[in-house]
Amino acid sequence: MRYARAVDGEVFAVLTTNKLLESPIKLDLQLVECDRVTSPWLAMATDEVDGIRFDAFGNPISYCIFRSHPGDLTGDLTFDWQSAEYVIHWFKSTRPGQQRGISEIMPAIKAS
């Protein structure tokens, strides 16, 4: 998760139940590549930003998570809306209203 946050600027994880864990506690984390969290269509609604729906106070309500990477050759564009209660979105907000992360290495990238 730390590597993804440094490179992509953010990372997502979904809290899930994994019945195959050899433990009485079945809580598990399913890591989600940030490219899989996106709007399936051009979102014109003001309560949605790049795959994240917000309430009137700016709190995340749900996340649109594609079942596979949108750039995969499978062409599978199915997705699920996951309740924010089960999603960890780790990113550094550097300005008011920022909803998605920015790569930590971006300042080191030289523009041509």
PDB file of N, CA and C in Angstrom:
ATOM      1  N   MET A   1       0.825  -1.181   0.000  1.00  0.00           N
ATOM      2  CA  MET A   1       0.000   0.000   0.000  1.00  0.00           C
ATOM      3  C   MET A   1       0.873   1.250   0.000  1.00  0.00           C
ATOM      4  N   ARG A   2       1.978   1.187   0.740  1.00  0.00           N
ATOM      5  CA  ARG A   2       2.871   2.349   0.798  1.00  0.00           C
ATOM      6  C   ARG A   2       3.491   2.641  -0.562  1.00  0.00           C
ATOM      7  N   TYR A   3       3.896   1.617  -1.271  1.00  0.00           N
ATOM      8  CA  TYR A   3       4.486   1.797  -2.600  1.00  0.00           C
ATOM      9  C   TYR A   3       3.464   2.408  -3.563  1.00  0.00           C
ATOM     10  N   ALA A   4       2.245   1.896  -3.546  1.00  0.00           N
ATOM     11  CA  ALA A   4       1.205   2.411  -4.441  1.00  0.00           C
ATOM     12  C   ALA A   4       0.904   3.879  -4.134  1.00  0.00           C
ATOM     13  N   ARG A   5       0.892   4.232  -2.860  1.00  0.00           N
ATOM     14  CA  ARG A   5       0.627   5.628  -2.524  1.00  0.00           C
ATOM     15  C   ARG A   5       1.742   6.546  -3.011  1.00  0.00           C
ATOM     16  N   ALA A   6       2.992   6.073  -2.928  1.00  0.00           N
ATOM     17  CA  ALA A   6       4.113   6.892  -3.393  1.00  0.00           C
ATOM     18  C   ALA A   6       4.068   7.072  -4.907  1.00  0.00           C
ATOM     19  N   VAL A   7       3.773   6.010  -5.636  1.00  0.00           N
ATOM     20  CA  VAL A   7       3.797   6.058  -7.101  1.00  0.00           C
ATOM     21  C   VAL A   7       2.509   6.641  -7.671  1.00  0.00           C
ATOM     22  N   ASP A   8       1.370   6.121  -7.216  1.00  0.00           N
ATOM     23  CA  ASP A   8       0.077   6.536  -7.773  1.00  0.00           C
ATOM     24  C   ASP A   8      -0.552   7.701  -7.014  1.00  0.00           C
ATOM     25  N   GLY A   9      -0.101   7.941  -5.805  1.00  0.00           N
ATOM     26  CA  GLY A   9      -0.654   9.021  -5.011  1.00  0.00           C
ATOM     27  C   GLY A   9      -1.774   8.591  -4.089  1.00  0.00           C
ATOM     28  N   GLU A  10      -2.242   7.369  -4.252  1.00  0.00           N
ATOM     29  CA  GLU A  10      -3.340   6.871  -3.435  1.00  0.00           C
ATOM     30  C   GLU A  10      -3.434   5.363  -3.565  1.00  0.00           C
ATOM     31  N   VAL A  11      -4.163   4.783  -2.636  1.00  0.00           N
ATOM     32  CA  VAL A  11      -4.413   3.344  -2.691  1.00  0.00           C
ATOM     33  C   VAL A  11      -5.754   3.090  -2.014  1.00  0.00           C
ATOM     34  N   PHE A  12      -6.412   2.058  -2.469  1.00  0.00           N
ATOM     35  CA  PHE A  12      -7.704   1.655  -1.917  1.00  0.00           C
ATOM     36  C   PHE A  12      -7.597   0.227  -1.400  1.00  0.00           C
ATOM     37  N   ALA A  13      -8.350  -0.052  -0.342  1.00  0.00           N
ATOM     38  CA  ALA A  13      -8.468  -1.416   0.176  1.00  0.00           C
ATOM     39  C   ALA A  13      -9.915  -1.611   0.617  1.00  0.00           C
ATOM     40  N   VAL A  14     -10.450  -2.790   0.352  1.00  0.00           N
ATOM     41  CA  VAL A  14     -11.809  -3.118   0.744  1.00  0.00           C
ATOM     42  C   VAL A  14     -11.747  -4.137   1.881  1.00  0.00           C
ATOM     43  N   LEU A  15     -12.446  -3.858   2.956  1.00  0.00           N
ATOM     44  CA  LEU A  15     -12.538  -4.798   4.074  1.00  0.00           C
ATOM     45  C   LEU A  15     -13.489  -5.920   3.671  1.00  0.00           C
ATOM     46  N   THR A  16     -13.001  -7.144   3.692  1.00  0.00           N
ATOM     47  CA  THR A  16     -13.801  -8.288   3.259  1.00  0.00           C
ATOM     48  C   THR A  16     -13.744  -9.413   4.295  1.00  0.00           C
ATOM     49  N   THR A  17     -14.600 -10.390   4.092  1.00  0.00           N
ATOM     50  CA  THR A  17     -14.587 -11.602   4.905  1.00  0.00           C
ATOM     51  C   THR A  17     -13.969 -12.703   4.065  1.00  0.00           C
ATOM     52  N   ASN A  18     -12.886 -13.284   4.563  1.00  0.00           N
ATOM     53  CA  ASN A  18     -12.192 -14.361   3.862  1.00  0.00           C
ATOM     54  C   ASN A  18     -12.365 -15.643   4.677  1.00  0.00           C
ATOM     55  N   LYS A  19     -13.288 -16.483   4.259  1.00  0.00           N
ATOM     56  CA  LYS A  19     -13.607 -17.707   5.006  1.00  0.00           C
ATOM     57  C   LYS A  19     -12.474 -18.728   4.987  1.00  0.00           C
ATOM     58  N   LEU A  20     -11.486 -18.542   4.120  1.00  0.00           N
ATOM     59  CA  LEU A  20     -10.375 -19.489   4.028  1.00  0.00           C
ATOM     60  C   LEU A  20      -9.231 -19.172   4.987  1.00  0.00           C
ATOM     61  N   LEU A  21      -9.305 -18.060   5.684  1.00  0.00           N
ATOM     62  CA  LEU A  21      -8.257 -17.740   6.651  1.00  0.00           C
ATOM     63  C   LEU A  21      -8.291 -18.743   7.801  1.00  0.00           C
ATOM     64  N   GLU A  22      -7.107 -19.192   8.189  1.00  0.00           N
ATOM     65  CA  GLU A  22      -7.002 -20.148   9.298  1.00  0.00           C
ATOM     66  C   GLU A  22      -6.929 -19.382  10.611  1.00  0.00           C
ATOM     67  N   SER A  23      -8.009 -18.720  10.927  1.00  0.00           N
ATOM     68  CA  SER A  23      -8.094 -17.904  12.120  1.00  0.00           C
ATOM     69  C   SER A  23      -9.571 -17.745  12.467  1.00  0.00           C
ATOM     70  N   PRO A  24      -9.870 -17.546  13.721  1.00  0.00           N
ATOM     71  CA  PRO A  24     -11.272 -17.306  14.059  1.00  0.00           C
ATOM     72  C   PRO A  24     -11.766 -15.952  13.526  1.00  0.00           C
ATOM     73  N   ILE A  25     -10.831 -15.066  13.249  1.00  0.00           N
ATOM     74  CA  ILE A  25     -11.173 -13.762  12.675  1.00  0.00           C
ATOM     75  C   ILE A  25     -10.966 -13.848  11.164  1.00  0.00           C
ATOM     76  N   LYS A  26     -12.006 -13.585  10.414  1.00  0.00           N
ATOM     77  CA  LYS A  26     -11.972 -13.753   8.957  1.00  0.00           C
ATOM     78  C   LYS A  26     -11.835 -12.434   8.207  1.00  0.00           C
ATOM     79  N   LEU A  27     -11.517 -11.349   8.915  1.00  0.00           N
ATOM     80  CA  LEU A  27     -11.357 -10.047   8.287  1.00  0.00           C
ATOM     81  C   LEU A  27     -10.112 -10.039   7.406  1.00  0.00           C
ATOM     82  N   ASP A  28     -10.258  -9.531   6.185  1.00  0.00           N
ATOM     83  CA  ASP A  28      -9.147  -9.482   5.243  1.00  0.00           C
ATOM     84  C   ASP A  28      -9.211  -8.167   4.478  1.00  0.00           C
ATOM     85  N   LEU A  29      -8.092  -7.781   3.883  1.00  0.00           N
ATOM     86  CA  LEU A  29      -8.033  -6.594   3.036  1.00  0.00           C
ATOM     87  C   LEU A  29      -7.868  -7.026   1.591  1.00  0.00           C
ATOM     88  N   GLN A  30      -8.712  -6.503   0.729  1.00  0.00           N
ATOM     89  CA  GLN A  30      -8.560  -6.719  -0.710  1.00  0.00           C
ATOM     90  C   GLN A  30      -8.021  -5.413  -1.281  1.00  0.00           C
ATOM     91  N   LEU A  31      -6.766  -5.426  -1.718  1.00  0.00           N
ATOM     92  CA  LEU A  31      -6.160  -4.218  -2.272  1.00  0.00           C
ATOM     93  C   LEU A  31      -6.725  -3.945  -3.656  1.00  0.00           C
ATOM     94  N   VAL A  32      -6.951  -2.672  -3.945  1.00  0.00           N
ATOM     95  CA  VAL A  32      -7.557  -2.266  -5.212  1.00  0.00           C
ATOM     96  C   VAL A  32      -6.673  -1.210  -5.851  1.00  0.00           C
ATOM     97  N   GLU A  33      -6.229  -1.468  -7.083  1.00  0.00           N
ATOM     98  CA  GLU A  33      -5.438  -0.491  -7.822  1.00  0.00           C
ATOM     99  C   GLU A  33      -6.286   0.752  -8.072  1.00  0.00           C
ATOM    100  N   CYS A  34      -5.696   1.920  -7.910  1.00  0.00           N
ATOM    101  CA  CYS A  34      -6.473   3.160  -7.994  1.00  0.00           C
ATOM    102  C   CYS A  34      -7.142   3.355  -9.353  1.00  0.00           C
ATOM    103  N   ASP A  35      -6.598   2.801 -10.420  1.00  0.00           N
ATOM    104  CA  ASP A  35      -7.220   2.918 -11.746  1.00  0.00           C
ATOM    105  C   ASP A  35      -8.570   2.218 -11.816  1.00  0.00           C
ATOM    106  N   ARG A  36      -8.810   1.268 -10.937  1.00  0.00           N
ATOM    107  CA  ARG A  36     -10.081   0.537 -10.923  1.00  0.00           C
ATOM    108  C   ARG A  36     -11.195   1.325 -10.245  1.00  0.00           C
ATOM    109  N   VAL A  37     -10.850   2.403  -9.548  1.00  0.00           N
ATOM    110  CA  VAL A  37     -11.863   3.262  -8.924  1.00  0.00           C
ATOM    111  C   VAL A  37     -12.057   4.462  -9.844  1.00  0.00           C
ATOM    112  N   THR A  38     -13.157   4.447 -10.580  1.00  0.00           N
ATOM    113  CA  THR A  38     -13.430   5.509 -11.541  1.00  0.00           C
ATOM    114  C   THR A  38     -14.898   5.491 -11.908  1.00  0.00           C
ATOM    115  N   SER A  39     -15.361   6.557 -12.491  1.00  0.00           N
ATOM    116  CA  SER A  39     -16.751   6.617 -12.928  1.00  0.00           C
ATOM    117  C   SER A  39     -16.902   5.847 -14.234  1.00  0.00           C
ATOM    118  N   PRO A  40     -17.943   5.018 -14.338  1.00  0.00           N
ATOM    119  CA  PRO A  40     -18.138   4.231 -15.560  1.00  0.00           C
ATOM    120  C   PRO A  40     -18.647   5.074 -16.724  1.00  0.00           C
ATOM    121  N   TRP A  41     -19.063   6.269 -16.468  1.00  0.00           N
ATOM    122  CA  TRP A  41     -19.540   7.184 -17.493  1.00  0.00           C
ATOM    123  C   TRP A  41     -19.114   8.578 -17.069  1.00  0.00           C
ATOM    124  N   LEU A  42     -19.261   9.521 -17.954  1.00  0.00           N
ATOM    125  CA  LEU A  42     -18.916  10.896 -17.627  1.00  0.00           C
ATOM    126  C   LEU A  42     -19.881  11.390 -16.564  1.00  0.00           C
ATOM    127  N   ALA A  43     -19.413  11.532 -15.370  1.00  0.00           N
ATOM    128  CA  ALA A  43     -20.275  11.909 -14.246  1.00  0.00           C
ATOM    129  C   ALA A  43     -20.597  13.399 -14.309  1.00  0.00           C
ATOM    130  N   MET A  44     -21.853  13.694 -14.518  1.00  0.00           N
ATOM    131  CA  MET A  44     -22.305  15.083 -14.538  1.00  0.00           C
ATOM    132  C   MET A  44     -22.874  15.497 -13.182  1.00  0.00           C
ATOM    133  N   ALA A  45     -23.123  14.513 -12.320  1.00  0.00           N
ATOM    134  CA  ALA A  45     -23.683  14.814 -11.005  1.00  0.00           C
ATOM    135  C   ALA A  45     -22.626  15.476 -10.130  1.00  0.00           C
ATOM    136  N   THR A  46     -23.054  16.413  -9.331  1.00  0.00           N
ATOM    137  CA  THR A  46     -22.107  17.128  -8.469  1.00  0.00           C
ATOM    138  C   THR A  46     -21.748  16.319  -7.226  1.00  0.00           C
ATOM    139  N   ASP A  47     -22.450  15.212  -6.985  1.00  0.00           N
ATOM    140  CA  ASP A  47     -22.162  14.417  -5.799  1.00  0.00           C
ATOM    141  C   ASP A  47     -21.186  13.276  -6.083  1.00  0.00           C
ATOM    142  N   GLU A  48     -20.593  13.254  -7.272  1.00  0.00           N
ATOM    143  CA  GLU A  48     -19.663  12.188  -7.640  1.00  0.00           C
ATOM    144  C   GLU A  48     -18.399  12.775  -8.263  1.00  0.00           C
ATOM    145  N   VAL A  49     -17.243  12.282  -7.790  1.00  0.00           N
ATOM    146  CA  VAL A  49     -15.953  12.707  -8.338  1.00  0.00           C
ATOM    147  C   VAL A  49     -15.133  11.467  -8.639  1.00  0.00           C
ATOM    148  N   ASP A  50     -14.895  11.211  -9.910  1.00  0.00           N
ATOM    149  CA  ASP A  50     -14.021  10.127 -10.351  1.00  0.00           C
ATOM    150  C   ASP A  50     -14.254   8.816  -9.602  1.00  0.00           C
ATOM    151  N   GLY A  51     -15.506   8.374  -9.585  1.00  0.00           N
ATOM    152  CA  GLY A  51     -15.827   7.079  -8.999  1.00  0.00           C
ATOM    153  C   GLY A  51     -16.148   7.089  -7.518  1.00  0.00           C
ATOM    154  N   ILE A  52     -16.204   8.264  -6.910  1.00  0.00           N
ATOM    155  CA  ILE A  52     -16.535   8.370  -5.488  1.00  0.00           C
ATOM    156  C   ILE A  52     -17.782   9.244  -5.343  1.00  0.00           C
ATOM    157  N   ARG A  53     -18.795   8.708  -4.670  1.00  0.00           N
ATOM    158  CA  ARG A  53     -20.018   9.483  -4.389  1.00  0.00           C
ATOM    159  C   ARG A  53     -19.910  10.079  -2.987  1.00  0.00           C
ATOM    160  N   PHE A  54     -20.363  11.328  -2.865  1.00  0.00           N
ATOM    161  CA  PHE A  54     -20.258  12.058  -1.605  1.00  0.00           C
ATOM    162  C   PHE A  54     -21.621  12.515  -1.111  1.00  0.00           C
ATOM    163  N   ASP A  55     -21.722  12.694   0.214  1.00  0.00           N
ATOM    164  CA  ASP A  55     -22.943  13.270   0.775  1.00  0.00           C
ATOM    165  C   ASP A  55     -22.831  14.798   0.717  1.00  0.00           C
ATOM    166  N   ALA A  56     -23.823  15.484   1.258  1.00  0.00           N
ATOM    167  CA  ALA A  56     -23.863  16.946   1.200  1.00  0.00           C
ATOM    168  C   ALA A  56     -22.717  17.601   1.965  1.00  0.00           C
ATOM    169  N   PHE A  57     -22.081  16.862   2.876  1.00  0.00           N
ATOM    170  CA  PHE A  57     -20.982  17.408   3.668  1.00  0.00           C
ATOM    171  C   PHE A  57     -19.603  17.028   3.114  1.00  0.00           C
ATOM    172  N   GLY A  58     -19.576  16.330   1.986  1.00  0.00           N
ATOM    173  CA  GLY A  58     -18.312  15.935   1.378  1.00  0.00           C
ATOM    174  C   GLY A  58     -17.742  14.627   1.883  1.00  0.00           C
ATOM    175  N   ASN A  59     -18.529  13.872   2.635  1.00  0.00           N
ATOM    176  CA  ASN A  59     -18.086  12.567   3.123  1.00  0.00           C
ATOM    177  C   ASN A  59     -18.345  11.504   2.063  1.00  0.00           C
ATOM    178  N   PRO A  60     -17.386  10.608   1.822  1.00  0.00           N
ATOM    179  CA  PRO A  60     -17.624   9.539   0.845  1.00  0.00           C
ATOM    180  C   PRO A  60     -18.784   8.640   1.285  1.00  0.00           C
ATOM    181  N   ILE A  61     -19.643   8.302   0.332  1.00  0.00           N
ATOM    182  CA  ILE A  61     -20.763   7.388   0.582  1.00  0.00           C
ATOM    183  C   ILE A  61     -20.460   6.021  -0.017  1.00  0.00           C
ATOM    184  N   SER A  62     -19.940   6.033  -1.259  1.00  0.00           N
ATOM    185  CA  SER A  62     -19.647   4.776  -1.941  1.00  0.00           C
ATOM    186  C   SER A  62     -18.591   4.995  -3.015  1.00  0.00           C
ATOM    187  N   TYR A  63     -17.991   3.869  -3.415  1.00  0.00           N
ATOM    188  CA  TYR A  63     -16.920   3.877  -4.411  1.00  0.00           C
ATOM    189  C   TYR A  63     -17.298   2.950  -5.560  1.00  0.00           C
ATOM    190  N   CYS A  64     -17.097   3.406  -6.785  1.00  0.00           N
ATOM    191  CA  CYS A  64     -17.334   2.581  -7.967  1.00  0.00           C
ATOM    192  C   CYS A  64     -16.031   1.837  -8.271  1.00  0.00           C
ATOM    193  N   ILE A  65     -16.054   0.511  -8.095  1.00  0.00           N
ATOM    194  CA  ILE A  65     -14.840  -0.289  -8.278  1.00  0.00           C
ATOM    195  C   ILE A  65     -15.056  -1.269  -9.421  1.00  0.00           C
ATOM    196  N   PHE A  66     -14.261  -1.119 -10.468  1.00  0.00           N
ATOM    197  CA  PHE A  66     -14.325  -2.036 -11.609  1.00  0.00           C
ATOM    198  C   PHE A  66     -13.783  -3.397 -11.182  1.00  0.00           C
ATOM    199  N   ARG A  67     -14.339  -4.453 -11.721  1.00  0.00           N
ATOM    200  CA  ARG A  67     -13.907  -5.804 -11.357  1.00  0.00           C
ATOM    201  C   ARG A  67     -12.541  -6.144 -11.938  1.00  0.00           C
ATOM    202  N   SER A  68     -12.153  -5.469 -12.989  1.00  0.00           N
ATOM    203  CA  SER A  68     -10.803  -5.630 -13.546  1.00  0.00           C
ATOM    204  C   SER A  68     -10.312  -4.248 -13.961  1.00  0.00           C
ATOM    205  N   HIS A  69      -9.036  -4.163 -14.280  1.00  0.00           N
ATOM    206  CA  HIS A  69      -8.451  -2.885 -14.688  1.00  0.00           C
ATOM    207  C   HIS A  69      -9.104  -2.428 -15.993  1.00  0.00           C
ATOM    208  N   PRO A  70      -9.506  -1.157 -16.100  1.00  0.00           N
ATOM    209  CA  PRO A  70     -10.174  -0.685 -17.315  1.00  0.00           C
ATOM    210  C   PRO A  70      -9.328  -0.825 -18.582  1.00  0.00           C
ATOM    211  N   GLY A  71      -8.011  -0.941 -18.440  1.00  0.00           N
ATOM    212  CA  GLY A  71      -7.135  -1.082 -19.597  1.00  0.00           C
ATOM    213  C   GLY A  71      -6.830  -2.516 -19.979  1.00  0.00           C
ATOM    214  N   ASP A  72      -7.368  -3.489 -19.232  1.00  0.00           N
ATOM    215  CA  ASP A  72      -7.134  -4.897 -19.545  1.00  0.00           C
ATOM    216  C   ASP A  72      -7.728  -5.257 -20.896  1.00  0.00           C
ATOM    217  N   LEU A  73      -7.130  -6.229 -21.542  1.00  0.00           N
ATOM    218  CA  LEU A  73      -7.585  -6.656 -22.861  1.00  0.00           C
ATOM    219  C   LEU A  73      -8.885  -7.446 -22.825  1.00  0.00           C
ATOM    220  N   THR A  74      -9.342  -7.802 -21.614  1.00  0.00           N
ATOM    221  CA  THR A  74     -10.570  -8.588 -21.519  1.00  0.00           C
ATOM    222  C   THR A  74     -11.789  -7.792 -21.945  1.00  0.00           C
ATOM    223  N   GLY A  75     -11.724  -6.480 -21.826  1.00  0.00           N
ATOM    224  CA  GLY A  75     -12.864  -5.648 -22.196  1.00  0.00           C
ATOM    225  C   GLY A  75     -13.993  -5.716 -21.182  1.00  0.00           C
ATOM    226  N   ASP A  76     -13.740  -6.332 -20.020  1.00  0.00           N
ATOM    227  CA  ASP A  76     -14.753  -6.455 -18.978  1.00  0.00           C
ATOM    228  C   ASP A  76     -14.877  -5.116 -18.249  1.00  0.00           C
ATOM    229  N   LEU A  77     -15.991  -4.435 -18.444  1.00  0.00           N
ATOM    230  CA  LEU A  77     -16.201  -3.135 -17.823  1.00  0.00           C
ATOM    231  C   LEU A  77     -17.286  -3.198 -16.752  1.00  0.00           C
ATOM    232  N   THR A  78     -17.417  -4.364 -16.105  1.00  0.00           N
ATOM    233  CA  THR A  78     -18.393  -4.471 -15.028  1.00  0.00           C
ATOM    234  C   THR A  78     -17.809  -3.865 -13.756  1.00  0.00           C
ATOM    235  N   PHE A  79     -18.684  -3.344 -12.937  1.00  0.00           N
ATOM    236  CA  PHE A  79     -18.249  -2.664 -11.722  1.00  0.00           C
ATOM    237  C   PHE A  79     -19.299  -2.863 -10.637  1.00  0.00           C
ATOM    238  N   ASP A  80     -18.900  -2.553  -9.410  1.00  0.00           N
ATOM    239  CA  ASP A  80     -19.788  -2.609  -8.261  1.00  0.00           C
ATOM    240  C   ASP A  80     -19.621  -1.322  -7.462  1.00  0.00           C
ATOM    241  N   TRP A  81     -20.714  -0.847  -6.889  1.00  0.00           N
ATOM    242  CA  TRP A  81     -20.641   0.265  -5.951  1.00  0.00           C
ATOM    243  C   TRP A  81     -20.449  -0.329  -4.569  1.00  0.00           C
ATOM    244  N   GLN A  82     -19.347   0.021  -3.916  1.00  0.00           N
ATOM    245  CA  GLN A  82     -19.008  -0.500  -2.596  1.00  0.00           C
ATOM    246  C   GLN A  82     -19.239   0.597  -1.559  1.00  0.00           C
ATOM    247  N   SER A  83     -19.922   0.261  -0.486  1.00  0.00           N
ATOM    248  CA  SER A  83     -20.179   1.220   0.581  1.00  0.00           C
ATOM    249  C   SER A  83     -18.864   1.740   1.167  1.00  0.00           C
ATOM    250  N   ALA A  84     -18.813   3.039   1.412  1.00  0.00           N
ATOM    251  CA  ALA A  84     -17.604   3.660   1.966  1.00  0.00           C
ATOM    252  C   ALA A  84     -17.248   3.100   3.336  1.00  0.00           C
ATOM    253  N   GLU A  85     -18.212   2.533   4.003  1.00  0.00           N
ATOM    254  CA  GLU A  85     -17.977   1.952   5.321  1.00  0.00           C
ATOM    255  C   GLU A  85     -16.963   0.803   5.273  1.00  0.00           C
ATOM    256  N   TYR A  86     -16.800   0.185   4.094  1.00  0.00           N
ATOM    257  CA  TYR A  86     -15.890  -0.952   3.940  1.00  0.00           C
ATOM    258  C   TYR A  86     -14.650  -0.622   3.106  1.00  0.00           C
ATOM    259  N   VAL A  87     -14.453   0.641   2.773  1.00  0.00           N
ATOM    260  CA  VAL A  87     -13.339   1.021   1.899  1.00  0.00           C
ATOM    261  C   VAL A  87     -12.369   1.935   2.647  1.00  0.00           C
ATOM    262  N   ILE A  88     -11.096   1.615   2.518  1.00  0.00           N
ATOM    263  CA  ILE A  88     -10.029   2.480   3.019  1.00  0.00           C
ATOM    264  C   ILE A  88      -9.442   3.189   1.803  1.00  0.00           C
ATOM    265  N   HIS A  89      -9.443   4.507   1.830  1.00  0.00           N
ATOM    266  CA  HIS A  89      -8.850   5.312   0.756  1.00  0.00           C
ATOM    267  C   HIS A  89      -7.734   6.120   1.389  1.00  0.00           C
ATOM    268  N   TRP A  90      -6.486   5.737   1.086  1.00  0.00           N
ATOM    269  CA  TRP A  90      -5.326   6.364   1.710  1.00  0.00           C
ATOM    270  C   TRP A  90      -4.649   7.279   0.705  1.00  0.00           C
ATOM    271  N   PHE A  91      -4.675   8.574   0.993  1.00  0.00           N
ATOM    272  CA  PHE A  91      -3.999   9.562   0.160  1.00  0.00           C
ATOM    273  C   PHE A  91      -3.727  10.791   1.004  1.00  0.00           C
ATOM    274  N   LYS A  92      -2.854  11.657   0.515  1.00  0.00           N
ATOM    275  CA  LYS A  92      -2.527  12.883   1.231  1.00  0.00           C
ATOM    276  C   LYS A  92      -3.252  14.042   0.556  1.00  0.00           C
ATOM    277  N   SER A  93      -4.084  14.703   1.314  1.00  0.00           N
ATOM    278  CA  SER A  93      -4.796  15.868   0.798  1.00  0.00           C
ATOM    279  C   SER A  93      -3.924  17.104   1.031  1.00  0.00           C
ATOM    280  N   THR A  94      -3.614  17.811  -0.042  1.00  0.00           N
ATOM    281  CA  THR A  94      -2.752  18.990   0.071  1.00  0.00           C
ATOM    282  C   THR A  94      -3.511  20.288  -0.158  1.00  0.00           C
ATOM    283  N   ARG A  95      -4.800  20.180  -0.492  1.00  0.00           N
ATOM    284  CA  ARG A  95      -5.607  21.389  -0.691  1.00  0.00           C
ATOM    285  C   ARG A  95      -7.055  21.097  -0.330  1.00  0.00           C
ATOM    286  N   PRO A  96      -7.799  22.115   0.062  1.00  0.00           N
ATOM    287  CA  PRO A  96      -9.203  21.910   0.425  1.00  0.00           C
ATOM    288  C   PRO A  96     -10.005  21.345  -0.747  1.00  0.00           C
ATOM    289  N   GLY A  97     -10.845  20.371  -0.454  1.00  0.00           N
ATOM    290  CA  GLY A  97     -11.708  19.787  -1.472  1.00  0.00           C
ATOM    291  C   GLY A  97     -11.060  18.712  -2.325  1.00  0.00           C
ATOM    292  N   GLN A  98      -9.790  18.433  -2.116  1.00  0.00           N
ATOM    293  CA  GLN A  98      -9.115  17.405  -2.898  1.00  0.00           C
ATOM    294  C   GLN A  98      -9.690  16.039  -2.530  1.00  0.00           C
ATOM    295  N   GLN A  99     -10.103  15.265  -3.548  1.00  0.00           N
ATOM    296  CA  GLN A  99     -10.746  13.977  -3.308  1.00  0.00           C
ATOM    297  C   GLN A  99      -9.923  12.787  -3.747  1.00  0.00           C
ATOM    298  N   ARG A 100      -8.902  13.010  -4.569  1.00  0.00           N
ATOM    299  CA  ARG A 100      -8.043  11.920  -5.038  1.00  0.00           C
ATOM    300  C   ARG A 100      -6.592  12.306  -4.795  1.00  0.00           C
ATOM    301  N   GLY A 101      -5.713  11.296  -4.820  1.00  0.00           N
ATOM    302  CA  GLY A 101      -4.312  11.515  -4.511  1.00  0.00           C
ATOM    303  C   GLY A 101      -3.470  11.928  -5.709  1.00  0.00           C
ATOM    304  N   ILE A 102      -2.310  12.489  -5.412  1.00  0.00           N
ATOM    305  CA  ILE A 102      -1.332  12.890  -6.430  1.00  0.00           C
ATOM    306  C   ILE A 102      -0.021  12.203  -6.079  1.00  0.00           C
ATOM    307  N   SER A 103       0.635  11.651  -7.077  1.00  0.00           N
ATOM    308  CA  SER A 103       1.880  10.920  -6.881  1.00  0.00           C
ATOM    309  C   SER A 103       2.903  11.733  -6.092  1.00  0.00           C
ATOM    310  N   GLU A 104       3.560  11.068  -5.152  1.00  0.00           N
ATOM    311  CA  GLU A 104       4.604  11.727  -4.363  1.00  0.00           C
ATOM    312  C   GLU A 104       5.835  12.028  -5.205  1.00  0.00           C
ATOM    313  N   ILE A 105       6.038  11.289  -6.279  1.00  0.00           N
ATOM    314  CA  ILE A 105       7.224  11.507  -7.120  1.00  0.00           C
ATOM    315  C   ILE A 105       6.964  12.500  -8.248  1.00  0.00           C
ATOM    316  N   MET A 106       5.752  13.017  -8.334  1.00  0.00           N
ATOM    317  CA  MET A 106       5.407  13.931  -9.409  1.00  0.00           C
ATOM    318  C   MET A 106       6.323  15.158  -9.468  1.00  0.00           C
ATOM    319  N   PRO A 107       6.687  15.789  -8.341  1.00  0.00           N
ATOM    320  CA  PRO A 107       7.571  16.953  -8.419  1.00  0.00           C
ATOM    321  C   PRO A 107       8.948  16.632  -9.008  1.00  0.00           C
ATOM    322  N   ALA A 108       9.357  15.355  -8.981  1.00  0.00           N
ATOM    323  CA  ALA A 108      10.667  14.980  -9.507  1.00  0.00           C
ATOM    324  C   ALA A 108      10.641  14.694 -11.008  1.00  0.00           C
ATOM    325  N   ILE A 109       9.451  14.635 -11.585  1.00  0.00           N
ATOM    326  CA  ILE A 109       9.330  14.332 -13.013  1.00  0.00           C
ATOM    327  C   ILE A 109       9.576  15.605 -13.806  1.00  0.00           C
ATOM    328  N   LYS A 110      10.568  15.546 -14.693  1.00  0.00           N
ATOM    329  CA  LYS A 110      10.933  16.708 -15.488  1.00  0.00           C
ATOM    330  C   LYS A 110      10.032  16.811 -16.718  1.00  0.00           C
ATOM    331  N   ALA A 111       9.454  17.982 -16.897  1.00  0.00           N
ATOM    332  CA  ALA A 111       8.611  18.202 -18.082  1.00  0.00           C
ATOM    333  C   ALA A 111       9.523  18.455 -19.274  1.00  0.00           C
ATOM    334  N   SER A 112       9.130  17.931 -20.432  1.00  0.00           N
ATOM    335  CA  SER A 112       9.971  18.133 -21.615  1.00  0.00           C
ATOM    336  C   SER A 112       9.584  19.344 -22.398  1.00  0.00           C
TER     337      SER A 112
END
